[in-house]
Amino acid sequence: MENGGATTQGMWFNYSPGPGGDSLDLLPAQGRLKQYAVPHDGGCSSFAGPLNLGPDNNIWYGWGESCQFSVHSDMLANMTPLGASTLFPVYDARSGPAGVAFAPDGTVWFADPGANKIGKLY
């Protein structure tokens, strides 16, 4: 489900409207489009990386924000089917978590091209 895909809730995708930040959008098989704001910190624009459906039925993605003179993307995030988000700090300020994968035991693994590493969320 990279950058969007079908789940039991419907079709998920991320949308970048420009300044202010991304949204994660759900288009149910029946009903109207639902938009959920990507969490943001302060007055910066937030953005979501590729979307991945987890075994917990949450949408997982790399999170970042862009301020006037800097960009940082040092967190993983997930969003429940009801739109509640949680941010998970990653070990290194240079991080840029991208693709997320899940082990059979539910462990969250992610690619971290910003730090040139493979990461594991405990």
PDB file of N, CA and C in Angstrom:
ATOM      1  N   MET A   1       0.835  -1.179   0.000  1.00  0.00           N
ATOM      2  CA  MET A   1       0.000   0.000   0.000  1.00  0.00           C
ATOM      3  C   MET A   1       0.881   1.243   0.000  1.00  0.00           C
ATOM      4  N   GLU A   2       1.879   1.302  -0.808  1.00  0.00           N
ATOM      5  CA  GLU A   2       2.780   2.444  -0.861  1.00  0.00           C
ATOM      6  C   GLU A   2       2.063   3.654  -1.475  1.00  0.00           C
ATOM      7  N   ASN A   3       2.026   4.778  -0.734  1.00  0.00           N
ATOM      8  CA  ASN A   3       1.385   6.021  -1.166  1.00  0.00           C
ATOM      9  C   ASN A   3      -0.124   5.908  -1.332  1.00  0.00           C
ATOM     10  N   GLY A   4      -0.703   4.925  -0.734  1.00  0.00           N
ATOM     11  CA  GLY A   4      -2.145   4.791  -0.772  1.00  0.00           C
ATOM     12  C   GLY A   4      -2.537   3.396  -1.196  1.00  0.00           C
ATOM     13  N   GLY A   5      -3.777   3.053  -0.915  1.00  0.00           N
ATOM     14  CA  GLY A   5      -4.258   1.744  -1.312  1.00  0.00           C
ATOM     15  C   GLY A   5      -5.541   1.391  -0.606  1.00  0.00           C
ATOM     16  N   ALA A   6      -6.069   0.244  -0.994  1.00  0.00           N
ATOM     17  CA  ALA A   6      -7.355  -0.193  -0.481  1.00  0.00           C
ATOM     18  C   ALA A   6      -7.197  -0.926   0.841  1.00  0.00           C
ATOM     19  N   THR A   7      -8.091  -0.656   1.766  1.00  0.00           N
ATOM     20  CA  THR A   7      -8.191  -1.368   3.034  1.00  0.00           C
ATOM     21  C   THR A   7      -9.654  -1.717   3.229  1.00  0.00           C
ATOM     22  N   THR A   8      -9.966  -2.333   4.357  1.00  0.00           N
ATOM     23  CA  THR A   8     -11.367  -2.650   4.625  1.00  0.00           C
ATOM     24  C   THR A   8     -12.187  -1.381   4.843  1.00  0.00           C
ATOM     25  N   GLN A   9     -11.528  -0.263   5.206  1.00  0.00           N
ATOM     26  CA  GLN A   9     -12.246   1.003   5.385  1.00  0.00           C
ATOM     27  C   GLN A   9     -12.524   1.708   4.060  1.00  0.00           C
ATOM     28  N   GLY A  10     -11.735   1.427   3.043  1.00  0.00           N
ATOM     29  CA  GLY A  10     -11.853   2.096   1.753  1.00  0.00           C
ATOM     30  C   GLY A  10     -10.479   2.368   1.178  1.00  0.00           C
ATOM     31  N   MET A  11     -10.362   3.390   0.345  1.00  0.00           N
ATOM     32  CA  MET A  11      -9.104   3.753  -0.299  1.00  0.00           C
ATOM     33  C   MET A  11      -8.441   4.900   0.459  1.00  0.00           C
ATOM     34  N   TRP A  12      -7.197   4.680   0.933  1.00  0.00           N
ATOM     35  CA  TRP A  12      -6.416   5.713   1.621  1.00  0.00           C
ATOM     36  C   TRP A  12      -5.408   6.325   0.659  1.00  0.00           C
ATOM     37  N   PHE A  13      -5.180   7.617   0.801  1.00  0.00           N
ATOM     38  CA  PHE A  13      -4.119   8.282   0.038  1.00  0.00           C
ATOM     39  C   PHE A  13      -3.716   9.543   0.776  1.00  0.00           C
ATOM     40  N   ASN A  14      -2.527  10.076   0.453  1.00  0.00           N
ATOM     41  CA  ASN A  14      -2.141  11.350   1.060  1.00  0.00           C
ATOM     42  C   ASN A  14      -2.191  12.442   0.012  1.00  0.00           C
ATOM     43  N   TYR A  15      -2.535  13.622   0.470  1.00  0.00           N
ATOM     44  CA  TYR A  15      -2.764  14.765  -0.403  1.00  0.00           C
ATOM     45  C   TYR A  15      -1.936  15.936   0.111  1.00  0.00           C
ATOM     46  N   SER A  16      -1.248  16.602  -0.795  1.00  0.00           N
ATOM     47  CA  SER A  16      -0.421  17.763  -0.441  1.00  0.00           C
ATOM     48  C   SER A  16      -1.007  19.011  -1.076  1.00  0.00           C
ATOM     49  N   PRO A  17      -1.818  19.741  -0.330  1.00  0.00           N
ATOM     50  CA  PRO A  17      -2.462  20.921  -0.895  1.00  0.00           C
ATOM     51  C   PRO A  17      -1.552  22.135  -0.984  1.00  0.00           C
ATOM     52  N   GLY A  18      -0.346  22.034  -0.425  1.00  0.00           N
ATOM     53  CA  GLY A  18       0.566  23.176  -0.423  1.00  0.00           C
ATOM     54  C   GLY A  18       0.832  23.633   0.989  1.00  0.00           C
ATOM     55  N   PRO A  19       1.136  24.913   1.184  1.00  0.00           N
ATOM     56  CA  PRO A  19       1.467  25.402   2.527  1.00  0.00           C
ATOM     57  C   PRO A  19       0.383  25.041   3.534  1.00  0.00           C
ATOM     58  N   GLY A  20       0.828  24.614   4.700  1.00  0.00           N
ATOM     59  CA  GLY A  20      -0.100  24.233   5.751  1.00  0.00           C
ATOM     60  C   GLY A  20      -0.035  22.766   6.071  1.00  0.00           C
ATOM     61  N   GLY A  21       0.322  21.943   5.104  1.00  0.00           N
ATOM     62  CA  GLY A  21       0.524  20.532   5.399  1.00  0.00           C
ATOM     63  C   GLY A  21      -0.353  19.591   4.621  1.00  0.00           C
ATOM     64  N   ASP A  22       0.024  18.337   4.721  1.00  0.00           N
ATOM     65  CA  ASP A  22      -0.665  17.247   4.052  1.00  0.00           C
ATOM     66  C   ASP A  22      -1.919  16.841   4.814  1.00  0.00           C
ATOM     67  N   SER A  23      -2.707  16.037   4.157  1.00  0.00           N
ATOM     68  CA  SER A  23      -3.791  15.352   4.838  1.00  0.00           C
ATOM     69  C   SER A  23      -3.755  13.898   4.400  1.00  0.00           C
ATOM     70  N   LEU A  24      -4.239  13.020   5.271  1.00  0.00           N
ATOM     71  CA  LEU A  24      -4.465  11.632   4.910  1.00  0.00           C
ATOM     72  C   LEU A  24      -5.951  11.528   4.636  1.00  0.00           C
ATOM     73  N   ASP A  25      -6.283  11.009   3.487  1.00  0.00           N
ATOM     74  CA  ASP A  25      -7.667  11.000   3.035  1.00  0.00           C
ATOM     75  C   ASP A  25      -8.167   9.575   2.875  1.00  0.00           C
ATOM     76  N   LEU A  26      -9.395   9.361   3.268  1.00  0.00           N
ATOM     77  CA  LEU A  26     -10.049   8.064   3.158  1.00  0.00           C
ATOM     78  C   LEU A  26     -11.289   8.224   2.295  1.00  0.00           C
ATOM     79  N   LEU A  27     -11.336   7.459   1.229  1.00  0.00           N
ATOM     80  CA  LEU A  27     -12.507   7.431   0.368  1.00  0.00           C
ATOM     81  C   LEU A  27     -13.197   6.087   0.585  1.00  0.00           C
ATOM     82  N   PRO A  28     -14.257   6.083   1.427  1.00  0.00           N
ATOM     83  CA  PRO A  28     -14.951   4.820   1.710  1.00  0.00           C
ATOM     84  C   PRO A  28     -15.659   4.285   0.469  1.00  0.00           C
ATOM     85  N   ALA A  29     -15.865   2.971   0.436  1.00  0.00           N
ATOM     86  CA  ALA A  29     -16.595   2.373  -0.686  1.00  0.00           C
ATOM     87  C   ALA A  29     -17.989   2.982  -0.786  1.00  0.00           C
ATOM     88  N   GLN A  30     -18.571   3.298   0.347  1.00  0.00           N
ATOM     89  CA  GLN A  30     -19.874   3.955   0.392  1.00  0.00           C
ATOM     90  C   GLN A  30     -19.707   5.202   1.255  1.00  0.00           C
ATOM     91  N   GLY A  31     -20.067   6.329   0.754  1.00  0.00           N
ATOM     92  CA  GLY A  31     -19.988   7.529   1.582  1.00  0.00           C
ATOM     93  C   GLY A  31     -19.123   8.612   0.976  1.00  0.00           C
ATOM     94  N   ARG A  32     -18.800   9.600   1.805  1.00  0.00           N
ATOM     95  CA  ARG A  32     -18.086  10.787   1.351  1.00  0.00           C
ATOM     96  C   ARG A  32     -16.632  10.747   1.792  1.00  0.00           C
ATOM     97  N   LEU A  33     -15.809  11.469   1.063  1.00  0.00           N
ATOM     98  CA  LEU A  33     -14.391  11.588   1.363  1.00  0.00           C
ATOM     99  C   LEU A  33     -14.191  12.136   2.775  1.00  0.00           C
ATOM    100  N   LYS A  34     -13.294  11.511   3.538  1.00  0.00           N
ATOM    101  CA  LYS A  34     -12.937  11.987   4.869  1.00  0.00           C
ATOM    102  C   LYS A  34     -11.480  12.424   4.829  1.00  0.00           C
ATOM    103  N   GLN A  35     -11.187  13.620   5.328  1.00  0.00           N
ATOM    104  CA  GLN A  35      -9.822  14.133   5.371  1.00  0.00           C
ATOM    105  C   GLN A  35      -9.384  14.271   6.817  1.00  0.00           C
ATOM    106  N   TYR A  36      -8.168  13.785   7.093  1.00  0.00           N
ATOM    107  CA  TYR A  36      -7.577  13.878   8.424  1.00  0.00           C
ATOM    108  C   TYR A  36      -6.267  14.640   8.297  1.00  0.00           C
ATOM    109  N   ALA A  37      -6.119  15.694   9.065  1.00  0.00           N
ATOM    110  CA  ALA A  37      -4.887  16.490   9.008  1.00  0.00           C
ATOM    111  C   ALA A  37      -3.719  15.676   9.549  1.00  0.00           C
ATOM    112  N   VAL A  38      -2.580  15.806   8.896  1.00  0.00           N
ATOM    113  CA  VAL A  38      -1.344  15.217   9.403  1.00  0.00           C
ATOM    114  C   VAL A  38      -0.924  16.076  10.590  1.00  0.00           C
ATOM    115  N   PRO A  39      -0.538  15.459  11.721  1.00  0.00           N
ATOM    116  CA  PRO A  39      -0.166  16.264  12.891  1.00  0.00           C
ATOM    117  C   PRO A  39       0.977  17.226  12.561  1.00  0.00           C
ATOM    118  N   HIS A  40       0.969  18.383  13.197  1.00  0.00           N
ATOM    119  CA  HIS A  40       2.066  19.327  12.972  1.00  0.00           C
ATOM    120  C   HIS A  40       2.497  19.951  14.278  1.00  0.00           C
ATOM    121  N   ASP A  41       3.714  20.445  14.263  1.00  0.00           N
ATOM    122  CA  ASP A  41       4.350  20.988  15.460  1.00  0.00           C
ATOM    123  C   ASP A  41       4.621  22.467  15.214  1.00  0.00           C
ATOM    124  N   GLY A  42       3.861  23.323  15.842  1.00  0.00           N
ATOM    125  CA  GLY A  42       4.090  24.752  15.673  1.00  0.00           C
ATOM    126  C   GLY A  42       3.525  25.270  14.365  1.00  0.00           C
ATOM    127  N   GLY A  43       4.161  26.283  13.810  1.00  0.00           N
ATOM    128  CA  GLY A  43       3.673  26.942  12.612  1.00  0.00           C
ATOM    129  C   GLY A  43       4.248  26.400  11.325  1.00  0.00           C
ATOM    130  N   CYS A  44       4.851  25.230  11.358  1.00  0.00           N
ATOM    131  CA  CYS A  44       5.472  24.659  10.168  1.00  0.00           C
ATOM    132  C   CYS A  44       4.468  23.834   9.370  1.00  0.00           C
ATOM    133  N   SER A  45       4.792  23.561   8.112  1.00  0.00           N
ATOM    134  CA  SER A  45       3.977  22.675   7.277  1.00  0.00           C
ATOM    135  C   SER A  45       4.408  21.241   7.515  1.00  0.00           C
ATOM    136  N   SER A  46       3.467  20.358   7.731  1.00  0.00           N
ATOM    137  CA  SER A  46       3.783  18.953   7.960  1.00  0.00           C
ATOM    138  C   SER A  46       3.564  18.156   6.686  1.00  0.00           C
ATOM    139  N   PHE A  47       4.229  17.001   6.604  1.00  0.00           N
ATOM    140  CA  PHE A  47       4.047  16.152   5.439  1.00  0.00           C
ATOM    141  C   PHE A  47       4.136  14.686   5.848  1.00  0.00           C
ATOM    142  N   ALA A  48       3.490  13.857   5.057  1.00  0.00           N
ATOM    143  CA  ALA A  48       3.481  12.412   5.287  1.00  0.00           C
ATOM    144  C   ALA A  48       4.215  11.732   4.157  1.00  0.00           C
ATOM    145  N   GLY A  49       5.008  10.727   4.513  1.00  0.00           N
ATOM    146  CA  GLY A  49       5.681   9.910   3.515  1.00  0.00           C
ATOM    147  C   GLY A  49       4.745   8.839   2.987  1.00  0.00           C
ATOM    148  N   PRO A  50       5.307   7.826   2.330  1.00  0.00           N
ATOM    149  CA  PRO A  50       4.480   6.742   1.796  1.00  0.00           C
ATOM    150  C   PRO A  50       3.637   6.074   2.889  1.00  0.00           C
ATOM    151  N   LEU A  51       2.424   5.704   2.537  1.00  0.00           N
ATOM    152  CA  LEU A  51       1.483   5.102   3.481  1.00  0.00           C
ATOM    153  C   LEU A  51       1.607   3.583   3.455  1.00  0.00           C
ATOM    154  N   ASN A  52       1.492   2.979   4.628  1.00  0.00           N
ATOM    155  CA  ASN A  52       1.560   1.526   4.759  1.00  0.00           C
ATOM    156  C   ASN A  52       0.515   1.075   5.767  1.00  0.00           C
ATOM    157  N   LEU A  53      -0.226   0.037   5.432  1.00  0.00           N
ATOM    158  CA  LEU A  53      -1.220  -0.509   6.349  1.00  0.00           C
ATOM    159  C   LEU A  53      -0.536  -1.497   7.281  1.00  0.00           C
ATOM    160  N   GLY A  54      -0.676  -1.277   8.588  1.00  0.00           N
ATOM    161  CA  GLY A  54      -0.057  -2.148   9.574  1.00  0.00           C
ATOM    162  C   GLY A  54      -0.962  -3.279   9.998  1.00  0.00           C
ATOM    163  N   PRO A  55      -0.388  -4.295  10.660  1.00  0.00           N
ATOM    164  CA  PRO A  55      -1.199  -5.410  11.150  1.00  0.00           C
ATOM    165  C   PRO A  55      -2.180  -4.975  12.232  1.00  0.00           C
ATOM    166  N   ASP A  56      -1.959  -3.784  12.792  1.00  0.00           N
ATOM    167  CA  ASP A  56      -2.874  -3.217  13.786  1.00  0.00           C
ATOM    168  C   ASP A  56      -4.031  -2.468  13.140  1.00  0.00           C
ATOM    169  N   ASN A  57      -4.099  -2.504  11.792  1.00  0.00           N
ATOM    170  CA  ASN A  57      -5.128  -1.842  10.989  1.00  0.00           C
ATOM    171  C   ASN A  57      -4.982  -0.319  10.990  1.00  0.00           C
ATOM    172  N   ASN A  58      -3.824   0.181  11.430  1.00  0.00           N
ATOM    173  CA  ASN A  58      -3.527   1.612  11.370  1.00  0.00           C
ATOM    174  C   ASN A  58      -2.712   1.902  10.115  1.00  0.00           C
ATOM    175  N   ILE A  59      -2.770   3.148   9.680  1.00  0.00           N
ATOM    176  CA  ILE A  59      -1.947   3.613   8.575  1.00  0.00           C
ATOM    177  C   ILE A  59      -0.641   4.139   9.175  1.00  0.00           C
ATOM    178  N   TRP A  60       0.501   3.651   8.697  1.00  0.00           N
ATOM    179  CA  TRP A  60       1.824   4.060   9.181  1.00  0.00           C
ATOM    180  C   TRP A  60       2.539   4.835   8.095  1.00  0.00           C
ATOM    181  N   TYR A  61       3.339   5.827   8.503  1.00  0.00           N
ATOM    182  CA  TYR A  61       4.075   6.637   7.536  1.00  0.00           C
ATOM    183  C   TYR A  61       5.219   7.385   8.224  1.00  0.00           C
ATOM    184  N   GLY A  62       6.198   7.783   7.425  1.00  0.00           N
ATOM    185  CA  GLY A  62       7.241   8.674   7.921  1.00  0.00           C
ATOM    186  C   GLY A  62       6.673  10.078   7.975  1.00  0.00           C
ATOM    187  N   TRP A  63       6.990  10.811   9.038  1.00  0.00           N
ATOM    188  CA  TRP A  63       6.436  12.147   9.251  1.00  0.00           C
ATOM    189  C   TRP A  63       7.552  13.173   9.242  1.00  0.00           C
ATOM    190  N   GLY A  64       7.251  14.347   8.725  1.00  0.00           N
ATOM    191  CA  GLY A  64       8.218  15.435   8.765  1.00  0.00           C
ATOM    192  C   GLY A  64       7.523  16.775   8.693  1.00  0.00           C
ATOM    193  N   GLU A  65       8.321  17.812   8.842  1.00  0.00           N
ATOM    194  CA  GLU A  65       7.768  19.152   8.688  1.00  0.00           C
ATOM    195  C   GLU A  65       8.798  20.054   8.042  1.00  0.00           C
ATOM    196  N   SER A  66       8.294  21.052   7.389  1.00  0.00           N
ATOM    197  CA  SER A  66       9.120  22.009   6.680  1.00  0.00           C
ATOM    198  C   SER A  66       8.829  23.397   7.238  1.00  0.00           C
ATOM    199  N   CYS A  67       9.888  24.025   7.767  1.00  0.00           N
ATOM    200  CA  CYS A  67       9.776  25.391   8.261  1.00  0.00           C
ATOM    201  C   CYS A  67      10.459  26.313   7.261  1.00  0.00           C
ATOM    202  N   GLN A  68      10.454  27.570   7.537  1.00  0.00           N
ATOM    203  CA  GLN A  68      10.973  28.536   6.572  1.00  0.00           C
ATOM    204  C   GLN A  68      12.397  28.220   6.121  1.00  0.00           C
ATOM    205  N   PHE A  69      13.270  27.848   7.057  1.00  0.00           N
ATOM    206  CA  PHE A  69      14.665  27.628   6.688  1.00  0.00           C
ATOM    207  C   PHE A  69      15.159  26.219   6.964  1.00  0.00           C
ATOM    208  N   SER A  70      14.287  25.310   7.322  1.00  0.00           N
ATOM    209  CA  SER A  70      14.752  23.960   7.613  1.00  0.00           C
ATOM    210  C   SER A  70      13.654  22.931   7.351  1.00  0.00           C
ATOM    211  N   VAL A  71      14.098  21.704   7.153  1.00  0.00           N
ATOM    212  CA  VAL A  71      13.196  20.574   6.994  1.00  0.00           C
ATOM    213  C   VAL A  71      13.687  19.483   7.929  1.00  0.00           C
ATOM    214  N   HIS A  72      12.818  18.898   8.691  1.00  0.00           N
ATOM    215  CA  HIS A  72      13.207  17.715   9.454  1.00  0.00           C
ATOM    216  C   HIS A  72      12.102  16.683   9.380  1.00  0.00           C
ATOM    217  N   SER A  73      12.520  15.442   9.317  1.00  0.00           N
ATOM    218  CA  SER A  73      11.560  14.339   9.196  1.00  0.00           C
ATOM    219  C   SER A  73      12.046  13.196  10.063  1.00  0.00           C
ATOM    220  N   ASP A  74      12.049  13.432  11.349  1.00  0.00           N
ATOM    221  CA  ASP A  74      12.669  12.493  12.275  1.00  0.00           C
ATOM    222  C   ASP A  74      11.669  11.722  13.117  1.00  0.00           C
ATOM    223  N   MET A  75      10.510  11.423  12.557  1.00  0.00           N
ATOM    224  CA  MET A  75       9.515  10.656  13.308  1.00  0.00           C
ATOM    225  C   MET A  75       8.783   9.687  12.396  1.00  0.00           C
ATOM    226  N   LEU A  76       8.282   8.635  13.013  1.00  0.00           N
ATOM    227  CA  LEU A  76       7.295   7.769  12.384  1.00  0.00           C
ATOM    228  C   LEU A  76       5.946   8.170  12.961  1.00  0.00           C
ATOM    229  N   ALA A  77       4.904   7.891  12.226  1.00  0.00           N
ATOM    230  CA  ALA A  77       3.569   8.213  12.712  1.00  0.00           C
ATOM    231  C   ALA A  77       2.611   7.106  12.303  1.00  0.00           C
ATOM    232  N   ASN A  78       1.527   7.018  13.056  1.00  0.00           N
ATOM    233  CA  ASN A  78       0.440   6.162  12.614  1.00  0.00           C
ATOM    234  C   ASN A  78      -0.874   6.881  12.848  1.00  0.00           C
ATOM    235  N   MET A  79      -1.874   6.444  12.114  1.00  0.00           N
ATOM    236  CA  MET A  79      -3.204   7.017  12.241  1.00  0.00           C
ATOM    237  C   MET A  79      -4.202   5.868  12.313  1.00  0.00           C
ATOM    238  N   THR A  80      -5.090   5.940  13.297  1.00  0.00           N
ATOM    239  CA  THR A  80      -6.115   4.912  13.456  1.00  0.00           C
ATOM    240  C   THR A  80      -7.198   5.112  12.392  1.00  0.00           C
ATOM    241  N   PRO A  81      -8.035   4.111  12.183  1.00  0.00           N
ATOM    242  CA  PRO A  81      -9.143   4.271  11.239  1.00  0.00           C
ATOM    243  C   PRO A  81     -10.090   5.414  11.600  1.00  0.00           C
ATOM    244  N   LEU A  82     -10.052   5.876  12.860  1.00  0.00           N
ATOM    245  CA  LEU A  82     -10.910   6.986  13.279  1.00  0.00           C
ATOM    246  C   LEU A  82     -10.211   8.339  13.166  1.00  0.00           C
ATOM    247  N   GLY A  83      -8.936   8.344  12.727  1.00  0.00           N
ATOM    248  CA  GLY A  83      -8.230   9.612  12.500  1.00  0.00           C
ATOM    249  C   GLY A  83      -7.342  10.086  13.628  1.00  0.00           C
ATOM    250  N   ALA A  84      -7.183   9.311  14.701  1.00  0.00           N
ATOM    251  CA  ALA A  84      -6.281   9.709  15.794  1.00  0.00           C
ATOM    252  C   ALA A  84      -4.847   9.363  15.417  1.00  0.00           C
ATOM    253  N   SER A  85      -3.930  10.318  15.584  1.00  0.00           N
ATOM    254  CA  SER A  85      -2.532  10.124  15.199  1.00  0.00           C
ATOM    255  C   SER A  85      -1.621  10.032  16.410  1.00  0.00           C
ATOM    256  N   THR A  86      -0.543   9.284  16.240  1.00  0.00           N
ATOM    257  CA  THR A  86       0.521   9.195  17.237  1.00  0.00           C
ATOM    258  C   THR A  86       1.844   9.363  16.518  1.00  0.00           C
ATOM    259  N   LEU A  87       2.727  10.197  17.084  1.00  0.00           N
ATOM    260  CA  LEU A  87       4.076  10.384  16.543  1.00  0.00           C
ATOM    261  C   LEU A  87       5.062   9.606  17.398  1.00  0.00           C
ATOM    262  N   PHE A  88       6.033   8.962  16.749  1.00  0.00           N
ATOM    263  CA  PHE A  88       7.064   8.188  17.429  1.00  0.00           C
ATOM    264  C   PHE A  88       8.425   8.762  17.055  1.00  0.00           C
ATOM    265  N   PRO A  89       9.139   9.370  18.011  1.00  0.00           N
ATOM    266  CA  PRO A  89      10.462   9.917  17.702  1.00  0.00           C
ATOM    267  C   PRO A  89      11.419   8.813  17.263  1.00  0.00           C
ATOM    268  N   VAL A  90      12.254   9.141  16.304  1.00  0.00           N
ATOM    269  CA  VAL A  90      13.287   8.232  15.824  1.00  0.00           C
ATOM    270  C   VAL A  90      14.611   8.689  16.425  1.00  0.00           C
ATOM    271  N   TYR A  91      15.540   7.814  16.521  1.00  0.00           N
ATOM    272  CA  TYR A  91      16.788   7.971  17.263  1.00  0.00           C
ATOM    273  C   TYR A  91      17.714   9.094  16.826  1.00  0.00           C
ATOM    274  N   ASP A  92      17.563   9.671  15.671  1.00  0.00           N
ATOM    275  CA  ASP A  92      18.591  10.554  15.127  1.00  0.00           C
ATOM    276  C   ASP A  92      17.922  11.740  14.428  1.00  0.00           C
ATOM    277  N   ALA A  93      18.378  12.946  14.724  1.00  0.00           N
ATOM    278  CA  ALA A  93      17.797  14.146  14.099  1.00  0.00           C
ATOM    279  C   ALA A  93      18.025  14.168  12.596  1.00  0.00           C
ATOM    280  N   ARG A  94      19.006  13.417  12.098  1.00  0.00           N
ATOM    281  CA  ARG A  94      19.257  13.352  10.647  1.00  0.00           C
ATOM    282  C   ARG A  94      18.351  12.349   9.962  1.00  0.00           C
ATOM    283  N   SER A  95      17.527  11.680  10.721  1.00  0.00           N
ATOM    284  CA  SER A  95      16.690  10.617  10.166  1.00  0.00           C
ATOM    285  C   SER A  95      15.697  11.155   9.155  1.00  0.00           C
ATOM    286  N   GLY A  96      15.271  10.272   8.315  1.00  0.00           N
ATOM    287  CA  GLY A  96      14.224  10.566   7.350  1.00  0.00           C
ATOM    288  C   GLY A  96      13.452   9.304   7.075  1.00  0.00           C
ATOM    289  N   PRO A  97      12.725   8.778   8.087  1.00  0.00           N
ATOM    290  CA  PRO A  97      12.055   7.495   7.896  1.00  0.00           C
ATOM    291  C   PRO A  97      11.127   7.520   6.696  1.00  0.00           C
ATOM    292  N   ALA A  98      11.199   6.454   5.934  1.00  0.00           N
ATOM    293  CA  ALA A  98      10.417   6.374   4.702  1.00  0.00           C
ATOM    294  C   ALA A  98       9.558   5.120   4.740  1.00  0.00           C
ATOM    295  N   GLY A  99       9.879   4.117   3.940  1.00  0.00           N
ATOM    296  CA  GLY A  99       9.079   2.909   3.879  1.00  0.00           C
ATOM    297  C   GLY A  99       9.015   2.185   5.205  1.00  0.00           C
ATOM    298  N   VAL A 100       7.853   1.648   5.521  1.00  0.00           N
ATOM    299  CA  VAL A 100       7.623   0.925   6.769  1.00  0.00           C
ATOM    300  C   VAL A 100       7.243  -0.514   6.419  1.00  0.00           C
ATOM    301  N   ALA A 101       7.782  -1.465   7.204  1.00  0.00           N
ATOM    302  CA  ALA A 101       7.445  -2.879   7.036  1.00  0.00           C
ATOM    303  C   ALA A 101       7.192  -3.471   8.416  1.00  0.00           C
ATOM    304  N   PHE A 102       6.497  -4.588   8.445  1.00  0.00           N
ATOM    305  CA  PHE A 102       6.090  -5.194   9.711  1.00  0.00           C
ATOM    306  C   PHE A 102       6.519  -6.651   9.758  1.00  0.00           C
ATOM    307  N   ALA A 103       7.171  -7.022  10.858  1.00  0.00           N
ATOM    308  CA  ALA A 103       7.550  -8.413  11.075  1.00  0.00           C
ATOM    309  C   ALA A 103       6.315  -9.197  11.526  1.00  0.00           C
ATOM    310  N   PRO A 104       6.355 -10.525  11.410  1.00  0.00           N
ATOM    311  CA  PRO A 104       5.208 -11.329  11.850  1.00  0.00           C
ATOM    312  C   PRO A 104       4.834 -11.100  13.318  1.00  0.00           C
ATOM    313  N   ASP A 105       5.815 -10.714  14.154  1.00  0.00           N
ATOM    314  CA  ASP A 105       5.515 -10.466  15.564  1.00  0.00           C
ATOM    315  C   ASP A 105       5.001  -9.050  15.820  1.00  0.00           C
ATOM    316  N   GLY A 106       4.819  -8.242  14.752  1.00  0.00           N
ATOM    317  CA  GLY A 106       4.302  -6.883  14.883  1.00  0.00           C
ATOM    318  C   GLY A 106       5.366  -5.807  15.012  1.00  0.00           C
ATOM    319  N   THR A 107       6.645  -6.198  15.067  1.00  0.00           N
ATOM    320  CA  THR A 107       7.726  -5.216  15.141  1.00  0.00           C
ATOM    321  C   THR A 107       7.691  -4.321  13.906  1.00  0.00           C
ATOM    322  N   VAL A 108       7.874  -3.021  14.117  1.00  0.00           N
ATOM    323  CA  VAL A 108       7.860  -2.045  13.022  1.00  0.00           C
ATOM    324  C   VAL A 108       9.297  -1.779  12.583  1.00  0.00           C
ATOM    325  N   TRP A 109       9.582  -2.019  11.324  1.00  0.00           N
ATOM    326  CA  TRP A 109      10.884  -1.730  10.721  1.00  0.00           C
ATOM    327  C   TRP A 109      10.691  -0.614   9.707  1.00  0.00           C
ATOM    328  N   PHE A 110      11.725   0.208   9.504  1.00  0.00           N
ATOM    329  CA  PHE A 110      11.604   1.286   8.524  1.00  0.00           C
ATOM    330  C   PHE A 110      12.938   1.583   7.864  1.00  0.00           C
ATOM    331  N   ALA A 111      12.849   2.031   6.642  1.00  0.00           N
ATOM    332  CA  ALA A 111      14.031   2.508   5.924  1.00  0.00           C
ATOM    333  C   ALA A 111      14.312   3.924   6.389  1.00  0.00           C
ATOM    334  N   ASP A 112      15.581   4.228   6.569  1.00  0.00           N
ATOM    335  CA  ASP A 112      15.982   5.557   7.032  1.00  0.00           C
ATOM    336  C   ASP A 112      17.091   6.098   6.135  1.00  0.00           C
ATOM    337  N   PRO A 113      16.712   6.549   4.930  1.00  0.00           N
ATOM    338  CA  PRO A 113      17.745   7.043   4.013  1.00  0.00           C
ATOM    339  C   PRO A 113      18.451   8.293   4.522  1.00  0.00           C
ATOM    340  N   GLY A 114      17.822   9.079   5.395  1.00  0.00           N
ATOM    341  CA  GLY A 114      18.459  10.276   5.937  1.00  0.00           C
ATOM    342  C   GLY A 114      19.679   9.956   6.770  1.00  0.00           C
ATOM    343  N   ALA A 115      19.648   8.843   7.484  1.00  0.00           N
ATOM    344  CA  ALA A 115      20.777   8.419   8.317  1.00  0.00           C
ATOM    345  C   ALA A 115      21.499   7.224   7.720  1.00  0.00           C
ATOM    346  N   ASN A 116      21.058   6.765   6.543  1.00  0.00           N
ATOM    347  CA  ASN A 116      21.662   5.628   5.865  1.00  0.00           C
ATOM    348  C   ASN A 116      21.608   4.359   6.738  1.00  0.00           C
ATOM    349  N   LYS A 117      20.410   4.086   7.297  1.00  0.00           N
ATOM    350  CA  LYS A 117      20.238   2.975   8.220  1.00  0.00           C
ATOM    351  C   LYS A 117      18.887   2.292   7.984  1.00  0.00           C
ATOM    352  N   ILE A 118      18.763   1.124   8.580  1.00  0.00           N
ATOM    353  CA  ILE A 118      17.472   0.455   8.725  1.00  0.00           C
ATOM    354  C   ILE A 118      17.113   0.596  10.191  1.00  0.00           C
ATOM    355  N   GLY A 119      15.907   1.056  10.494  1.00  0.00           N
ATOM    356  CA  GLY A 119      15.515   1.286  11.872  1.00  0.00           C
ATOM    357  C   GLY A 119      14.457   0.322  12.344  1.00  0.00           C
ATOM    358  N   LYS A 120      14.358   0.205  13.670  1.00  0.00           N
ATOM    359  CA  LYS A 120      13.380  -0.657  14.325  1.00  0.00           C
ATOM    360  C   LYS A 120      12.706   0.142  15.411  1.00  0.00           C
ATOM    361  N   LEU A 121      11.395   0.134  15.434  1.00  0.00           N
ATOM    362  CA  LEU A 121      10.641   0.828  16.462  1.00  0.00           C
ATOM    363  C   LEU A 121      10.305  -0.170  17.567  1.00  0.00           C
ATOM    364  N   TYR A 122      10.695   0.135  18.788  1.00  0.00           N
ATOM    365  CA  TYR A 122      10.454  -0.774  19.920  1.00  0.00           C
ATOM    366  C   TYR A 122       9.135  -0.471  20.562  1.00  0.00           C
TER     367      TYR A 122
END
